[in-house]
C-alpha atoms as a PDB file:
ATOM      1  CA  MET A   1      69.930 115.816  99.697  1.00  0.00           C
ATOM      2  CA  ARG A   2      67.499 114.440  97.474  1.00  0.00           C
ATOM      3  CA  ARG A   3      67.225 118.483  96.547  1.00  0.00           C
ATOM      4  CA  LEU A   4      70.209 118.840  96.111  1.00  0.00           C
ATOM      5  CA  MET A   5      71.596 116.139  93.723  1.00  0.00           C
ATOM      6  CA  VAL A   6      68.282 117.368  91.999  1.00  0.00           C
ATOM      7  CA  LEU A   7      69.558 121.277  92.157  1.00  0.00           C
ATOM      8  CA  ILE A   8      73.495 120.596  91.076  1.00  0.00           C
ATOM      9  CA  GLY A   9      72.041 118.129  88.009  1.00  0.00           C
ATOM     10  CA  ALA A  10      69.298 120.679  86.707  1.00  0.00           C
ATOM     11  CA  VAL A  11      72.006 123.667  86.298  1.00  0.00           C
ATOM     12  CA  PHE A  12      74.538 120.945  84.902  1.00  0.00           C
ATOM     13  CA  VAL A  13      72.119 119.979  82.108  1.00  0.00           C
ATOM     14  CA  LEU A  14      71.008 123.915  82.055  1.00  0.00           C
ATOM     15  CA  LEU A  15      74.995 124.510  81.159  1.00  0.00           C
ATOM     16  CA  GLY A  16      75.201 121.744  78.741  1.00  0.00           C
ATOM     17  CA  ILE A  17      72.253 123.294  77.031  1.00  0.00           C
ATOM     18  CA  ALA A  18      74.656 126.913  76.515  1.00  0.00           C
ATOM     19  CA  ALA A  19      77.401 125.002  75.804  1.00  0.00           C
ATOM     20  CA  GLU A  20      75.634 123.093  72.609  1.00  0.00           C
ATOM     21  CA  SER A  21      73.763 126.613  72.020  1.00  0.00           C
ATOM     22  CA  LEU A  22      77.215 127.828  72.023  1.00  0.00           C
ATOM     23  CA  TYR A  23      78.805 124.953  69.697  1.00  0.00           C
ATOM     24  CA  ILE A  24      76.146 125.536  66.810  1.00  0.00           C
ATOM     25  CA  THR A  25      76.318 129.605  67.234  1.00  0.00           C
ATOM     26  CA  SER A  26      80.345 129.822  66.937  1.00  0.00           C
ATOM     27  CA  SER A  27      81.973 129.282  63.309  1.00  0.00           C
ATOM     28  CA  ARG A  28      85.649 129.916  65.566  1.00  0.00           C
ATOM     29  CA  VAL A  29      87.605 129.383  67.615  1.00  0.00           C
ATOM     30  CA  ALA A  30      86.120 128.868  71.661  1.00  0.00           C
ATOM     31  CA  TYR A  31      87.948 131.955  72.842  1.00  0.00           C
ATOM     32  CA  ASN A  32      90.484 134.484  70.956  1.00  0.00           C
ATOM     33  CA  GLY A  33      93.970 133.326  70.817  1.00  0.00           C
ATOM     34  CA  ALA A  34      93.516 130.504  73.012  1.00  0.00           C
ATOM     35  CA  THR A  35      93.618 126.567  70.706  1.00  0.00           C
ATOM     36  CA  ILE A  36      90.542 125.334  72.038  1.00  0.00           C
ATOM     37  CA  SER A  37      87.962 124.891  69.153  1.00  0.00           C
ATOM     38  CA  THR A  38      84.673 124.499  69.138  1.00  0.00           C
ATOM     39  CA  ASN A  39      84.615 120.899  69.528  1.00  0.00           C
ATOM     40  CA  ALA A  40      85.562 122.050  73.260  1.00  0.00           C
ATOM     41  CA  TYR A  41      82.225 123.162  72.876  1.00  0.00           C
ATOM     42  CA  MET A  42      80.090 120.131  71.831  1.00  0.00           C
ATOM     43  CA  ILE A  43      81.982 117.517  73.939  1.00  0.00           C
ATOM     44  CA  SER A  44      81.760 119.394  77.555  1.00  0.00           C
ATOM     45  CA  GLY A  45      77.801 120.076  76.231  1.00  0.00           C
ATOM     46  CA  LEU A  46      77.304 116.658  76.130  1.00  0.00           C
ATOM     47  CA  PHE A  47      78.975 115.384  79.504  1.00  0.00           C
ATOM     48  CA  LEU A  48      77.116 118.097  80.941  1.00  0.00           C
ATOM     49  CA  ILE A  49      74.205 117.254  79.815  1.00  0.00           C
ATOM     50  CA  VAL A  50      74.591 113.676  80.468  1.00  0.00           C
ATOM     51  CA  LEU A  51      76.290 114.219  83.954  1.00  0.00           C
ATOM     52  CA  GLY A  52      73.009 116.481  84.736  1.00  0.00           C
ATOM     53  CA  LEU A  53      70.492 113.918  84.151  1.00  0.00           C
ATOM     54  CA  LEU A  54      72.425 111.283  85.817  1.00  0.00           C
ATOM     55  CA  LEU A  55      72.949 113.107  88.950  1.00  0.00           C
ATOM     56  CA  THR A  56      68.882 114.370  88.639  1.00  0.00           C
ATOM     57  CA  LEU A  57      68.037 110.686  88.355  1.00  0.00           C
ATOM     58  CA  SER A  58      69.955 109.508  91.466  1.00  0.00           C
ATOM     59  CA  GLY A  59      68.066 112.398  92.896  1.00  0.00           C
ATOM     60  CA  ALA A  60      64.424 112.021  92.216  1.00  0.00           C
ATOM     61  CA  ARG A  61      62.551 109.858  94.094  1.00  0.00           C
ATOM     62  CA  ILE A  62      60.933 106.843  91.937  1.00  0.00           C
ATOM     63  CA  SER A  63      58.478 105.196  93.167  1.00  0.00           C
ATOM     64  CA  LYS A  64      57.680 100.866  93.119  1.00  0.00           C
ATOM     65  CA  ILE A  65      55.200  99.099  90.527  1.00  0.00           C
ATOM     66  CA  ARG A  66      52.803  97.394  92.575  1.00  0.00           C
ATOM     67  CA  ILE A  67      51.049  94.631  90.974  1.00  0.00           C
ATOM     68  CA  PRO A  68      47.772  93.656  92.375  1.00  0.00           C
ATOM     69  CA  HIS A  69      47.224  90.221  93.090  1.00  0.00           C
ATOM     70  CA  ALA A  70      44.492  88.655  91.689  1.00  0.00           C
END
């Protein structure tokens, strides 16, 4: 299950990066004839990156920090 969460999180991060790059490269509307503006790329890209990072961190195994007793 952890591997699946990390995989889904990584895909969301990559999709967010792609959406951000589309925002940077496009100067017109997202789709011809639609009312979606380039800001939709920015907002969806940021949302996907944050969601992907959260899913990746939730699936990652984080070891405990052990402090040796003196």
